Amino acid sequence: MKIRIYYEDTDAGGVVYHSNYLKFCERARSEVLFSKKALIFDATNGHFLLTKANCNFIKPAKLGDIIEVETKILEIKNVSIEILQEIYKDKDKIFKLIGTLAYVKKEKPARMEPEIKKLFEELF
């Protein structure tokens, strides 16, 4: 997913503020699910939370840049998914996230239904 960097994404120096990289990754994950009309956004039926994020800030993105977020699934377990998300500016990797998404129902970790696991296997 391509994203343009706007003034609201940056600090006073025009450099992307560090927490916005997590937002960009979230948007990319959600956009894939929206594009396939996946019905996993109803929190009453269960939803995903980012429970662990190992981030590597490699190079900065700046105001006006176009970045691209790539998402890969590393492992699908019964109650969690380990993901790799990398952000590129041109062909240069500028950010890397290895994260864990936990599936939650009624505010507690829960086993994913087989169709949800299958959806992630197919989409990513």
PDB file of N, CA and C in Angstrom:
ATOM      1  N   MET A   1       0.839  -1.167   0.000  1.00  0.00           N
ATOM      2  CA  MET A   1       0.000   0.000   0.000  1.00  0.00           C
ATOM      3  C   MET A   1       0.893   1.242   0.000  1.00  0.00           C
ATOM      4  N   LYS A   2       0.600   2.168  -0.883  1.00  0.00           N
ATOM      5  CA  LYS A   2       1.364   3.402  -0.962  1.00  0.00           C
ATOM      6  C   LYS A   2       0.691   4.482  -0.116  1.00  0.00           C
ATOM      7  N   ILE A   3       1.525   5.266   0.559  1.00  0.00           N
ATOM      8  CA  ILE A   3       1.044   6.325   1.436  1.00  0.00           C
ATOM      9  C   ILE A   3       1.910   7.559   1.207  1.00  0.00           C
ATOM     10  N   ARG A   4       1.261   8.705   1.064  1.00  0.00           N
ATOM     11  CA  ARG A   4       1.997   9.971   0.988  1.00  0.00           C
ATOM     12  C   ARG A   4       2.159  10.517   2.402  1.00  0.00           C
ATOM     13  N   ILE A   5       3.327  11.099   2.666  1.00  0.00           N
ATOM     14  CA  ILE A   5       3.597  11.695   3.964  1.00  0.00           C
ATOM     15  C   ILE A   5       3.110  13.145   3.951  1.00  0.00           C
ATOM     16  N   TYR A   6       2.200  13.443   4.866  1.00  0.00           N
ATOM     17  CA  TYR A   6       1.639  14.784   4.996  1.00  0.00           C
ATOM     18  C   TYR A   6       2.223  15.495   6.209  1.00  0.00           C
ATOM     19  N   TYR A   7       1.980  16.791   6.279  1.00  0.00           N
ATOM     20  CA  TYR A   7       2.480  17.606   7.383  1.00  0.00           C
ATOM     21  C   TYR A   7       2.070  17.027   8.735  1.00  0.00           C
ATOM     22  N   GLU A   8       0.849  16.541   8.835  1.00  0.00           N
ATOM     23  CA  GLU A   8       0.342  15.973  10.097  1.00  0.00           C
ATOM     24  C   GLU A   8       1.115  14.735  10.547  1.00  0.00           C
ATOM     25  N   ASP A   9       1.851  14.100   9.641  1.00  0.00           N
ATOM     26  CA  ASP A   9       2.620  12.892   9.961  1.00  0.00           C
ATOM     27  C   ASP A   9       4.004  13.203  10.522  1.00  0.00           C
ATOM     28  N   THR A  10       4.400  14.477  10.453  1.00  0.00           N
ATOM     29  CA  THR A  10       5.790  14.812  10.753  1.00  0.00           C
ATOM     30  C   THR A  10       5.947  15.647  12.030  1.00  0.00           C
ATOM     31  N   ASP A  11       7.182  15.727  12.469  1.00  0.00           N
ATOM     32  CA  ASP A  11       7.521  16.616  13.582  1.00  0.00           C
ATOM     33  C   ASP A  11       7.854  17.995  13.009  1.00  0.00           C
ATOM     34  N   ALA A  12       8.314  18.905  13.847  1.00  0.00           N
ATOM     35  CA  ALA A  12       8.616  20.270  13.414  1.00  0.00           C
ATOM     36  C   ALA A  12       9.712  20.323  12.348  1.00  0.00           C
ATOM     37  N   GLY A  13      10.539  19.292  12.266  1.00  0.00           N
ATOM     38  CA  GLY A  13      11.614  19.252  11.277  1.00  0.00           C
ATOM     39  C   GLY A  13      11.213  18.618   9.954  1.00  0.00           C
ATOM     40  N   GLY A  14       9.950  18.215   9.828  1.00  0.00           N
ATOM     41  CA  GLY A  14       9.489  17.600   8.586  1.00  0.00           C
ATOM     42  C   GLY A  14       9.816  16.121   8.466  1.00  0.00           C
ATOM     43  N   VAL A  15      10.218  15.487   9.573  1.00  0.00           N
ATOM     44  CA  VAL A  15      10.540  14.059   9.596  1.00  0.00           C
ATOM     45  C   VAL A  15       9.374  13.310  10.225  1.00  0.00           C
ATOM     46  N   VAL A  16       9.033  12.150   9.670  1.00  0.00           N
ATOM     47  CA  VAL A  16       7.910  11.370  10.191  1.00  0.00           C
ATOM     48  C   VAL A  16       8.145  11.038  11.662  1.00  0.00           C
ATOM     49  N   TYR A  17       7.148  11.343  12.467  1.00  0.00           N
ATOM     50  CA  TYR A  17       7.181  11.050  13.897  1.00  0.00           C
ATOM     51  C   TYR A  17       7.131   9.538  14.088  1.00  0.00           C
ATOM     52  N   HIS A  18       7.929   9.004  15.003  1.00  0.00           N
ATOM     53  CA  HIS A  18       8.152   7.555  15.118  1.00  0.00           C
ATOM     54  C   HIS A  18       6.870   6.729  15.272  1.00  0.00           C
ATOM     55  N   SER A  19       5.900   7.192  16.034  1.00  0.00           N
ATOM     56  CA  SER A  19       4.695   6.382  16.242  1.00  0.00           C
ATOM     57  C   SER A  19       3.842   6.262  14.983  1.00  0.00           C
ATOM     58  N   ASN A  20       4.028   7.159  14.025  1.00  0.00           N
ATOM     59  CA  ASN A  20       3.227   7.094  12.810  1.00  0.00           C
ATOM     60  C   ASN A  20       3.573   5.899  11.932  1.00  0.00           C
ATOM     61  N   TYR A  21       4.761   5.349  12.086  1.00  0.00           N
ATOM     62  CA  TYR A  21       5.093   4.145  11.329  1.00  0.00           C
ATOM     63  C   TYR A  21       4.157   2.995  11.721  1.00  0.00           C
ATOM     64  N   LEU A  22       3.795   2.922  12.995  1.00  0.00           N
ATOM     65  CA  LEU A  22       2.831   1.904  13.431  1.00  0.00           C
ATOM     66  C   LEU A  22       1.465   2.152  12.807  1.00  0.00           C
ATOM     67  N   LYS A  23       1.071   3.408  12.700  1.00  0.00           N
ATOM     68  CA  LYS A  23      -0.201   3.744  12.046  1.00  0.00           C
ATOM     69  C   LYS A  23      -0.185   3.319  10.579  1.00  0.00           C
ATOM     70  N   PHE A  24       0.926   3.592   9.906  1.00  0.00           N
ATOM     71  CA  PHE A  24       1.028   3.218   8.499  1.00  0.00           C
ATOM     72  C   PHE A  24       0.893   1.702   8.333  1.00  0.00           C
ATOM     73  N   CYS A  25       1.513   0.945   9.229  1.00  0.00           N
ATOM     74  CA  CYS A  25       1.422  -0.518   9.165  1.00  0.00           C
ATOM     75  C   CYS A  25      -0.012  -0.976   9.421  1.00  0.00           C
ATOM     76  N   GLU A  26      -0.672  -0.376  10.381  1.00  0.00           N
ATOM     77  CA  GLU A  26      -2.063  -0.729  10.674  1.00  0.00           C
ATOM     78  C   GLU A  26      -2.961  -0.445   9.474  1.00  0.00           C
ATOM     79  N   ARG A  27      -2.777   0.699   8.856  1.00  0.00           N
ATOM     80  CA  ARG A  27      -3.576   1.037   7.676  1.00  0.00           C
ATOM     81  C   ARG A  27      -3.384   0.001   6.571  1.00  0.00           C
ATOM     82  N   ALA A  28      -2.152  -0.411   6.359  1.00  0.00           N
ATOM     83  CA  ALA A  28      -1.877  -1.386   5.301  1.00  0.00           C
ATOM     84  C   ALA A  28      -2.547  -2.724   5.592  1.00  0.00           C
ATOM     85  N   ARG A  29      -2.472  -3.190   6.844  1.00  0.00           N
ATOM     86  CA  ARG A  29      -3.140  -4.451   7.204  1.00  0.00           C
ATOM     87  C   ARG A  29      -4.644  -4.332   7.010  1.00  0.00           C
ATOM     88  N   SER A  30      -5.206  -3.245   7.492  1.00  0.00           N
ATOM     89  CA  SER A  30      -6.659  -3.050   7.386  1.00  0.00           C
ATOM     90  C   SER A  30      -7.102  -2.919   5.937  1.00  0.00           C
ATOM     91  N   GLU A  31      -6.323  -2.221   5.129  1.00  0.00           N
ATOM     92  CA  GLU A  31      -6.702  -2.000   3.736  1.00  0.00           C
ATOM     93  C   GLU A  31      -6.828  -3.320   2.972  1.00  0.00           C
ATOM     94  N   VAL A  32      -5.921  -4.251   3.233  1.00  0.00           N
ATOM     95  CA  VAL A  32      -6.009  -5.565   2.584  1.00  0.00           C
ATOM     96  C   VAL A  32      -7.324  -6.243   2.975  1.00  0.00           C
ATOM     97  N   LEU A  33      -7.662  -6.189   4.249  1.00  0.00           N
ATOM     98  CA  LEU A  33      -8.904  -6.819   4.718  1.00  0.00           C
ATOM     99  C   LEU A  33     -10.138  -6.101   4.169  1.00  0.00           C
ATOM    100  N   PHE A  34     -10.121  -4.779   4.133  1.00  0.00           N
ATOM    101  CA  PHE A  34     -11.243  -4.025   3.548  1.00  0.00           C
ATOM    102  C   PHE A  34     -11.416  -4.376   2.081  1.00  0.00           C
ATOM    103  N   SER A  35     -10.318  -4.494   1.343  1.00  0.00           N
ATOM    104  CA  SER A  35     -10.389  -4.767  -0.093  1.00  0.00           C
ATOM    105  C   SER A  35     -11.021  -6.122  -0.386  1.00  0.00           C
ATOM    106  N   LYS A  36     -10.903  -7.049   0.551  1.00  0.00           N
ATOM    107  CA  LYS A  36     -11.485  -8.385   0.366  1.00  0.00           C
ATOM    108  C   LYS A  36     -12.820  -8.533   1.103  1.00  0.00           C
ATOM    109  N   LYS A  37     -13.314  -7.408   1.627  1.00  0.00           N
ATOM    110  CA  LYS A  37     -14.603  -7.386   2.336  1.00  0.00           C
ATOM    111  C   LYS A  37     -14.630  -8.378   3.495  1.00  0.00           C
ATOM    112  N   ALA A  38     -13.487  -8.522   4.146  1.00  0.00           N
ATOM    113  CA  ALA A  38     -13.386  -9.426   5.302  1.00  0.00           C
ATOM    114  C   ALA A  38     -14.214  -8.859   6.452  1.00  0.00           C
ATOM    115  N   LEU A  39     -14.967  -9.701   7.081  1.00  0.00           N
ATOM    116  CA  LEU A  39     -15.870  -9.274   8.154  1.00  0.00           C
ATOM    117  C   LEU A  39     -15.251  -9.548   9.524  1.00  0.00           C
ATOM    118  N   ILE A  40     -14.085  -9.003   9.763  1.00  0.00           N
ATOM    119  CA  ILE A  40     -13.440  -9.245  11.058  1.00  0.00           C
ATOM    120  C   ILE A  40     -13.314  -7.970  11.880  1.00  0.00           C
ATOM    121  N   PHE A  41     -14.032  -6.925  11.483  1.00  0.00           N
ATOM    122  CA  PHE A  41     -13.911  -5.656  12.192  1.00  0.00           C
ATOM    123  C   PHE A  41     -15.012  -5.442  13.230  1.00  0.00           C
ATOM    124  N   ASP A  42     -15.867  -6.417  13.433  1.00  0.00           N
ATOM    125  CA  ASP A  42     -16.906  -6.320  14.453  1.00  0.00           C
ATOM    126  C   ASP A  42     -16.347  -6.877  15.756  1.00  0.00           C
ATOM    127  N   ALA A  43     -16.006  -5.990  16.670  1.00  0.00           N
ATOM    128  CA  ALA A  43     -15.337  -6.396  17.913  1.00  0.00           C
ATOM    129  C   ALA A  43     -16.193  -7.334  18.762  1.00  0.00           C
ATOM    130  N   THR A  44     -17.502  -7.337  18.582  1.00  0.00           N
ATOM    131  CA  THR A  44     -18.345  -8.241  19.373  1.00  0.00           C
ATOM    132  C   THR A  44     -18.125  -9.691  18.975  1.00  0.00           C
ATOM    133  N   ASN A  45     -17.624  -9.916  17.756  1.00  0.00           N
ATOM    134  CA  ASN A  45     -17.359 -11.273  17.279  1.00  0.00           C
ATOM    135  C   ASN A  45     -15.907 -11.682  17.457  1.00  0.00           C
ATOM    136  N   GLY A  46     -15.094 -10.805  17.963  1.00  0.00           N
ATOM    137  CA  GLY A  46     -13.660 -11.058  18.095  1.00  0.00           C
ATOM    138  C   GLY A  46     -12.895 -10.115  17.193  1.00  0.00           C
ATOM    139  N   HIS A  47     -11.696  -9.767  17.605  1.00  0.00           N
ATOM    140  CA  HIS A  47     -10.872  -8.853  16.825  1.00  0.00           C
ATOM    141  C   HIS A  47      -9.403  -9.064  17.183  1.00  0.00           C
ATOM    142  N   PHE A  48      -8.533  -8.377  16.456  1.00  0.00           N
ATOM    143  CA  PHE A  48      -7.090  -8.517  16.660  1.00  0.00           C
ATOM    144  C   PHE A  48      -6.522  -7.298  17.366  1.00  0.00           C
ATOM    145  N   LEU A  49      -5.561  -7.552  18.239  1.00  0.00           N
ATOM    146  CA  LEU A  49      -4.812  -6.498  18.917  1.00  0.00           C
ATOM    147  C   LEU A  49      -3.326  -6.731  18.666  1.00  0.00           C
ATOM    148  N   LEU A  50      -2.603  -5.666  18.425  1.00  0.00           N
ATOM    149  CA  LEU A  50      -1.158  -5.760  18.317  1.00  0.00           C
ATOM    150  C   LEU A  50      -0.606  -5.860  19.730  1.00  0.00           C
ATOM    151  N   THR A  51      -0.063  -7.015  20.086  1.00  0.00           N
ATOM    152  CA  THR A  51       0.395  -7.242  21.460  1.00  0.00           C
ATOM    153  C   THR A  51       1.912  -7.148  21.610  1.00  0.00           C
ATOM    154  N   LYS A  52       2.622  -7.235  20.496  1.00  0.00           N
ATOM    155  CA  LYS A  52       4.077  -7.125  20.536  1.00  0.00           C
ATOM    156  C   LYS A  52       4.536  -6.472  19.242  1.00  0.00           C
ATOM    157  N   ALA A  53       5.467  -5.537  19.368  1.00  0.00           N
ATOM    158  CA  ALA A  53       6.002  -4.865  18.183  1.00  0.00           C
ATOM    159  C   ALA A  53       7.496  -4.654  18.353  1.00  0.00           C
ATOM    160  N   ASN A  54       8.268  -5.311  17.506  1.00  0.00           N
ATOM    161  CA  ASN A  54       9.715  -5.123  17.478  1.00  0.00           C
ATOM    162  C   ASN A  54      10.004  -4.256  16.255  1.00  0.00           C
ATOM    163  N   CYS A  55      10.342  -2.985  16.494  1.00  0.00           N
ATOM    164  CA  CYS A  55      10.493  -2.013  15.414  1.00  0.00           C
ATOM    165  C   CYS A  55      11.951  -1.672  15.178  1.00  0.00           C
ATOM    166  N   ASN A  56      12.282  -1.522  13.905  1.00  0.00           N
ATOM    167  CA  ASN A  56      13.614  -1.094  13.516  1.00  0.00           C
ATOM    168  C   ASN A  56      13.455   0.108  12.589  1.00  0.00           C
ATOM    169  N   PHE A  57      13.839   1.279  13.093  1.00  0.00           N
ATOM    170  CA  PHE A  57      13.783   2.515  12.325  1.00  0.00           C
ATOM    171  C   PHE A  57      15.117   2.657  11.593  1.00  0.00           C
ATOM    172  N   ILE A  58      15.094   2.475  10.286  1.00  0.00           N
ATOM    173  CA  ILE A  58      16.328   2.388   9.511  1.00  0.00           C
ATOM    174  C   ILE A  58      16.729   3.745   8.916  1.00  0.00           C
ATOM    175  N   LYS A  59      15.788   4.389   8.241  1.00  0.00           N
ATOM    176  CA  LYS A  59      16.008   5.710   7.644  1.00  0.00           C
ATOM    177  C   LYS A  59      14.721   6.507   7.794  1.00  0.00           C
ATOM    178  N   PRO A  60      14.811   7.824   7.825  1.00  0.00           N
ATOM    179  CA  PRO A  60      13.585   8.606   8.003  1.00  0.00           C
ATOM    180  C   PRO A  60      12.799   8.794   6.703  1.00  0.00           C
ATOM    181  N   ALA A  61      11.498   8.936   6.859  1.00  0.00           N
ATOM    182  CA  ALA A  61      10.648   9.421   5.779  1.00  0.00           C
ATOM    183  C   ALA A  61      10.367  10.885   6.101  1.00  0.00           C
ATOM    184  N   LYS A  62      10.146  11.676   5.058  1.00  0.00           N
ATOM    185  CA  LYS A  62       9.983  13.118   5.245  1.00  0.00           C
ATOM    186  C   LYS A  62       8.742  13.619   4.519  1.00  0.00           C
ATOM    187  N   LEU A  63       8.363  14.808   4.883  1.00  0.00           N
ATOM    188  CA  LEU A  63       7.205  15.463   4.300  1.00  0.00           C
ATOM    189  C   LEU A  63       7.233  15.380   2.777  1.00  0.00           C
ATOM    190  N   GLY A  64       6.116  14.899   2.201  1.00  0.00           N
ATOM    191  CA  GLY A  64       6.000  14.795   0.748  1.00  0.00           C
ATOM    192  C   GLY A  64       6.421  13.464   0.164  1.00  0.00           C
ATOM    193  N   ASP A  65       7.164  12.669   0.924  1.00  0.00           N
ATOM    194  CA  ASP A  65       7.597  11.356   0.423  1.00  0.00           C
ATOM    195  C   ASP A  65       6.400  10.452   0.157  1.00  0.00           C
ATOM    196  N   ILE A  66       6.598   9.518  -0.758  1.00  0.00           N
ATOM    197  CA  ILE A  66       5.647   8.425  -0.976  1.00  0.00           C
ATOM    198  C   ILE A  66       6.335   7.174  -0.450  1.00  0.00           C
ATOM    199  N   ILE A  67       5.665   6.504   0.478  1.00  0.00           N
ATOM    200  CA  ILE A  67       6.220   5.264   1.033  1.00  0.00           C
ATOM    201  C   ILE A  67       5.303   4.112   0.653  1.00  0.00           C
ATOM    202  N   GLU A  68       5.832   2.893   0.753  1.00  0.00           N
ATOM    203  CA  GLU A  68       5.033   1.702   0.461  1.00  0.00           C
ATOM    204  C   GLU A  68       5.224   0.691   1.579  1.00  0.00           C
ATOM    205  N   VAL A  69       4.094   0.175   2.073  1.00  0.00           N
ATOM    206  CA  VAL A  69       4.105  -0.801   3.162  1.00  0.00           C
ATOM    207  C   VAL A  69       3.840  -2.186   2.577  1.00  0.00           C
ATOM    208  N   GLU A  70       4.733  -3.125   2.881  1.00  0.00           N
ATOM    209  CA  GLU A  70       4.552  -4.522   2.467  1.00  0.00           C
ATOM    210  C   GLU A  70       4.320  -5.365   3.714  1.00  0.00           C
ATOM    211  N   THR A  71       3.374  -6.278   3.617  1.00  0.00           N
ATOM    212  CA  THR A  71       2.993  -7.111   4.764  1.00  0.00           C
ATOM    213  C   THR A  71       3.120  -8.578   4.402  1.00  0.00           C
ATOM    214  N   LYS A  72       3.731  -9.347   5.309  1.00  0.00           N
ATOM    215  CA  LYS A  72       3.862 -10.800   5.139  1.00  0.00           C
ATOM    216  C   LYS A  72       3.502 -11.465   6.458  1.00  0.00           C
ATOM    217  N   ILE A  73       2.912 -12.638   6.356  1.00  0.00           N
ATOM    218  CA  ILE A  73       2.625 -13.453   7.537  1.00  0.00           C
ATOM    219  C   ILE A  73       3.823 -14.365   7.771  1.00  0.00           C
ATOM    220  N   LEU A  74       4.341 -14.354   8.976  1.00  0.00           N
ATOM    221  CA  LEU A  74       5.446 -15.243   9.317  1.00  0.00           C
ATOM    222  C   LEU A  74       4.945 -16.555   9.905  1.00  0.00           C
ATOM    223  N   GLU A  75       3.899 -16.480  10.741  1.00  0.00           N
ATOM    224  CA  GLU A  75       3.385 -17.691  11.385  1.00  0.00           C
ATOM    225  C   GLU A  75       1.950 -17.451  11.853  1.00  0.00           C
ATOM    226  N   ILE A  76       1.106 -18.447  11.650  1.00  0.00           N
ATOM    227  CA  ILE A  76      -0.269 -18.398  12.148  1.00  0.00           C
ATOM    228  C   ILE A  76      -0.425 -19.490  13.187  1.00  0.00           C
ATOM    229  N   LYS A  77      -0.777 -19.071  14.404  1.00  0.00           N
ATOM    230  CA  LYS A  77      -1.017 -20.012  15.497  1.00  0.00           C
ATOM    231  C   LYS A  77      -2.516 -20.033  15.787  1.00  0.00           C
ATOM    232  N   ASN A  78      -2.901 -20.710  16.846  1.00  0.00           N
ATOM    233  CA  ASN A  78      -4.323 -20.800  17.173  1.00  0.00           C
ATOM    234  C   ASN A  78      -4.930 -19.487  17.659  1.00  0.00           C
ATOM    235  N   VAL A  79      -4.149 -18.702  18.411  1.00  0.00           N
ATOM    236  CA  VAL A  79      -4.680 -17.449  18.949  1.00  0.00           C
ATOM    237  C   VAL A  79      -3.880 -16.221  18.521  1.00  0.00           C
ATOM    238  N   SER A  80      -2.883 -16.389  17.681  1.00  0.00           N
ATOM    239  CA  SER A  80      -2.092 -15.232  17.283  1.00  0.00           C
ATOM    240  C   SER A  80      -1.495 -15.416  15.889  1.00  0.00           C
ATOM    241  N   ILE A  81      -1.080 -14.288  15.348  1.00  0.00           N
ATOM    242  CA  ILE A  81      -0.439 -14.249  14.036  1.00  0.00           C
ATOM    243  C   ILE A  81       0.819 -13.408  14.168  1.00  0.00           C
ATOM    244  N   GLU A  82       1.941 -13.939  13.696  1.00  0.00           N
ATOM    245  CA  GLU A  82       3.172 -13.163  13.676  1.00  0.00           C
ATOM    246  C   GLU A  82       3.348 -12.589  12.281  1.00  0.00           C
ATOM    247  N   ILE A  83       3.579 -11.286  12.217  1.00  0.00           N
ATOM    248  CA  ILE A  83       3.656 -10.605  10.929  1.00  0.00           C
ATOM    249  C   ILE A  83       4.991  -9.887  10.762  1.00  0.00           C
ATOM    250  N   LEU A  84       5.330  -9.664   9.516  1.00  0.00           N
ATOM    251  CA  LEU A  84       6.468  -8.848   9.138  1.00  0.00           C
ATOM    252  C   LEU A  84       5.917  -7.737   8.256  1.00  0.00           C
ATOM    253  N   GLN A  85       6.203  -6.498   8.636  1.00  0.00           N
ATOM    254  CA  GLN A  85       5.825  -5.374   7.794  1.00  0.00           C
ATOM    255  C   GLN A  85       7.063  -4.519   7.566  1.00  0.00           C
ATOM    256  N   GLU A  86       7.278  -4.198   6.301  1.00  0.00           N
ATOM    257  CA  GLU A  86       8.426  -3.387   5.936  1.00  0.00           C
ATOM    258  C   GLU A  86       7.928  -2.183   5.142  1.00  0.00           C
ATOM    259  N   ILE A  87       8.528  -1.032   5.430  1.00  0.00           N
ATOM    260  CA  ILE A  87       8.173   0.191   4.724  1.00  0.00           C
ATOM    261  C   ILE A  87       9.360   0.599   3.868  1.00  0.00           C
ATOM    262  N   TYR A  88       9.052   0.921   2.606  1.00  0.00           N
ATOM    263  CA  TYR A  88      10.075   1.310   1.641  1.00  0.00           C
ATOM    264  C   TYR A  88       9.808   2.719   1.138  1.00  0.00           C
ATOM    265  N   LYS A  89      10.886   3.454   0.908  1.00  0.00           N
ATOM    266  CA  LYS A  89      10.833   4.734   0.198  1.00  0.00           C
ATOM    267  C   LYS A  89      11.681   4.526  -1.034  1.00  0.00           C
ATOM    268  N   ASP A  90      11.071   4.634  -2.184  1.00  0.00           N
ATOM    269  CA  ASP A  90      11.698   4.211  -3.431  1.00  0.00           C
ATOM    270  C   ASP A  90      12.009   2.722  -3.257  1.00  0.00           C
ATOM    271  N   LYS A  91      13.229   2.306  -3.376  1.00  0.00           N
ATOM    272  CA  LYS A  91      13.554   0.884  -3.189  1.00  0.00           C
ATOM    273  C   LYS A  91      14.301   0.646  -1.880  1.00  0.00           C
ATOM    274  N   ASP A  92      14.430   1.700  -1.081  1.00  0.00           N
ATOM    275  CA  ASP A  92      15.165   1.604   0.177  1.00  0.00           C
ATOM    276  C   ASP A  92      14.234   1.246   1.328  1.00  0.00           C
ATOM    277  N   LYS A  93      14.609   0.204   2.079  1.00  0.00           N
ATOM    278  CA  LYS A  93      13.846  -0.143   3.270  1.00  0.00           C
ATOM    279  C   LYS A  93      14.150   0.899   4.336  1.00  0.00           C
ATOM    280  N   ILE A  94      13.069   1.485   4.909  1.00  0.00           N
ATOM    281  CA  ILE A  94      13.275   2.519   5.920  1.00  0.00           C
ATOM    282  C   ILE A  94      12.726   2.121   7.295  1.00  0.00           C
ATOM    283  N   PHE A  95      11.928   1.060   7.350  1.00  0.00           N
ATOM    284  CA  PHE A  95      11.326   0.648   8.618  1.00  0.00           C
ATOM    285  C   PHE A  95      10.978  -0.833   8.536  1.00  0.00           C
ATOM    286  N   LYS A  96      11.137  -1.522   9.673  1.00  0.00           N
ATOM    287  CA  LYS A  96      10.784  -2.941   9.750  1.00  0.00           C
ATOM    288  C   LYS A  96      10.073  -3.193  11.072  1.00  0.00           C
ATOM    289  N   LEU A  97       8.957  -3.920  10.984  1.00  0.00           N
ATOM    290  CA  LEU A  97       8.188  -4.304  12.168  1.00  0.00           C
ATOM    291  C   LEU A  97       7.977  -5.812  12.145  1.00  0.00           C
ATOM    292  N   ILE A  98       8.344  -6.470  13.222  1.00  0.00           N
ATOM    293  CA  ILE A  98       7.925  -7.850  13.445  1.00  0.00           C
ATOM    294  C   ILE A  98       6.965  -7.771  14.619  1.00  0.00           C
ATOM    295  N   GLY A  99       5.728  -8.166  14.382  1.00  0.00           N
ATOM    296  CA  GLY A  99       4.704  -7.993  15.403  1.00  0.00           C
ATOM    297  C   GLY A  99       3.869  -9.226  15.613  1.00  0.00           C
ATOM    298  N   THR A 100       3.180  -9.236  16.751  1.00  0.00           N
ATOM    299  CA  THR A 100       2.249 -10.299  17.076  1.00  0.00           C
ATOM    300  C   THR A 100       0.859  -9.712  17.202  1.00  0.00           C
ATOM    301  N   LEU A 101      -0.072 -10.280  16.443  1.00  0.00           N
ATOM    302  CA  LEU A 101      -1.481  -9.910  16.532  1.00  0.00           C
ATOM    303  C   LEU A 101      -2.191 -11.014  17.295  1.00  0.00           C
ATOM    304  N   ALA A 102      -2.820 -10.662  18.401  1.00  0.00           N
ATOM    305  CA  ALA A 102      -3.563 -11.649  19.194  1.00  0.00           C
ATOM    306  C   ALA A 102      -5.039 -11.529  18.861  1.00  0.00           C
ATOM    307  N   TYR A 103      -5.689 -12.668  18.719  1.00  0.00           N
ATOM    308  CA  TYR A 103      -7.137 -12.702  18.492  1.00  0.00           C
ATOM    309  C   TYR A 103      -7.817 -12.677  19.850  1.00  0.00           C
ATOM    310  N   VAL A 104      -8.770 -11.766  20.002  1.00  0.00           N
ATOM    311  CA  VAL A 104      -9.398 -11.517  21.301  1.00  0.00           C
ATOM    312  C   VAL A 104     -10.916 -11.531  21.162  1.00  0.00           C
ATOM    313  N   LYS A 105     -11.579 -12.172  22.131  1.00  0.00           N
ATOM    314  CA  LYS A 105     -13.042 -12.133  22.258  1.00  0.00           C
ATOM    315  C   LYS A 105     -13.363 -11.786  23.698  1.00  0.00           C
ATOM    316  N   LYS A 106     -14.255 -10.852  23.883  1.00  0.00           N
ATOM    317  CA  LYS A 106     -14.668 -10.444  25.234  1.00  0.00           C
ATOM    318  C   LYS A 106     -13.451 -10.109  26.092  1.00  0.00           C
ATOM    319  N   GLU A 107     -12.499  -9.393  25.485  1.00  0.00           N
ATOM    320  CA  GLU A 107     -11.295  -8.907  26.149  1.00  0.00           C
ATOM    321  C   GLU A 107     -10.343  -9.995  26.633  1.00  0.00           C
ATOM    322  N   LYS A 108     -10.459 -11.212  26.071  1.00  0.00           N
ATOM    323  CA  LYS A 108      -9.557 -12.305  26.434  1.00  0.00           C
ATOM    324  C   LYS A 108      -9.062 -12.991  25.156  1.00  0.00           C
ATOM    325  N   PRO A 109      -7.825 -13.502  25.187  1.00  0.00           N
ATOM    326  CA  PRO A 109      -7.345 -14.256  24.027  1.00  0.00           C
ATOM    327  C   PRO A 109      -8.272 -15.424  23.720  1.00  0.00           C
ATOM    328  N   ALA A 110      -8.492 -15.654  22.432  1.00  0.00           N
ATOM    329  CA  ALA A 110      -9.414 -16.708  22.014  1.00  0.00           C
ATOM    330  C   ALA A 110      -8.859 -17.421  20.782  1.00  0.00           C
ATOM    331  N   ARG A 111      -9.275 -18.647  20.607  1.00  0.00           N
ATOM    332  CA  ARG A 111      -8.891 -19.436  19.434  1.00  0.00           C
ATOM    333  C   ARG A 111      -9.613 -18.883  18.200  1.00  0.00           C
ATOM    334  N   MET A 112      -8.841 -18.674  17.151  1.00  0.00           N
ATOM    335  CA  MET A 112      -9.426 -18.196  15.893  1.00  0.00           C
ATOM    336  C   MET A 112     -10.259 -19.293  15.249  1.00  0.00           C
ATOM    337  N   GLU A 113     -11.363 -18.882  14.631  1.00  0.00           N
ATOM    338  CA  GLU A 113     -12.139 -19.819  13.841  1.00  0.00           C
ATOM    339  C   GLU A 113     -11.324 -20.208  12.606  1.00  0.00           C
ATOM    340  N   PRO A 114     -11.498 -21.428  12.103  1.00  0.00           N
ATOM    341  CA  PRO A 114     -10.718 -21.872  10.936  1.00  0.00           C
ATOM    342  C   PRO A 114     -10.842 -20.933   9.736  1.00  0.00           C
ATOM    343  N   GLU A 115     -12.021 -20.332   9.534  1.00  0.00           N
ATOM    344  CA  GLU A 115     -12.183 -19.441   8.378  1.00  0.00           C
ATOM    345  C   GLU A 115     -11.356 -18.161   8.512  1.00  0.00           C
ATOM    346  N   ILE A 116     -11.109 -17.715   9.724  1.00  0.00           N
ATOM    347  CA  ILE A 116     -10.260 -16.533   9.919  1.00  0.00           C
ATOM    348  C   ILE A 116      -8.807 -16.890   9.624  1.00  0.00           C
ATOM    349  N   LYS A 117      -8.356 -18.045  10.111  1.00  0.00           N
ATOM    350  CA  LYS A 117      -6.989 -18.485   9.809  1.00  0.00           C
ATOM    351  C   LYS A 117      -6.800 -18.613   8.299  1.00  0.00           C
ATOM    352  N   LYS A 118      -7.786 -19.203   7.641  1.00  0.00           N
ATOM    353  CA  LYS A 118      -7.712 -19.407   6.197  1.00  0.00           C
ATOM    354  C   LYS A 118      -7.665 -18.068   5.460  1.00  0.00           C
ATOM    355  N   LEU A 119      -8.449 -17.114   5.935  1.00  0.00           N
ATOM    356  CA  LEU A 119      -8.462 -15.775   5.327  1.00  0.00           C
ATOM    357  C   LEU A 119      -7.075 -15.153   5.347  1.00  0.00           C
ATOM    358  N   PHE A 120      -6.395 -15.230   6.482  1.00  0.00           N
ATOM    359  CA  PHE A 120      -5.048 -14.666   6.577  1.00  0.00           C
ATOM    360  C   PHE A 120      -4.053 -15.424   5.715  1.00  0.00           C
ATOM    361  N   GLU A 121      -4.182 -16.727   5.640  1.00  0.00           N
ATOM    362  CA  GLU A 121      -3.290 -17.513   4.780  1.00  0.00           C
ATOM    363  C   GLU A 121      -3.454 -17.106   3.326  1.00  0.00           C
ATOM    364  N   GLU A 122      -4.684 -16.847   2.913  1.00  0.00           N
ATOM    365  CA  GLU A 122      -4.951 -16.477   1.516  1.00  0.00           C
ATOM    366  C   GLU A 122      -4.570 -15.038   1.194  1.00  0.00           C
ATOM    367  N   LEU A 123      -4.810 -14.128   2.107  1.00  0.00           N
ATOM    368  CA  LEU A 123      -4.600 -12.707   1.825  1.00  0.00           C
ATOM    369  C   LEU A 123      -3.145 -12.302   1.825  1.00  0.00           C
ATOM    370  N   PHE A 124      -2.366 -12.897   2.710  1.00  0.00           N
ATOM    371  CA  PHE A 124      -0.987 -12.458   2.858  1.00  0.00           C
ATOM    372  C   PHE A 124      -0.044 -13.538   2.393  1.00  0.00           C
TER     373      PHE A 124
END
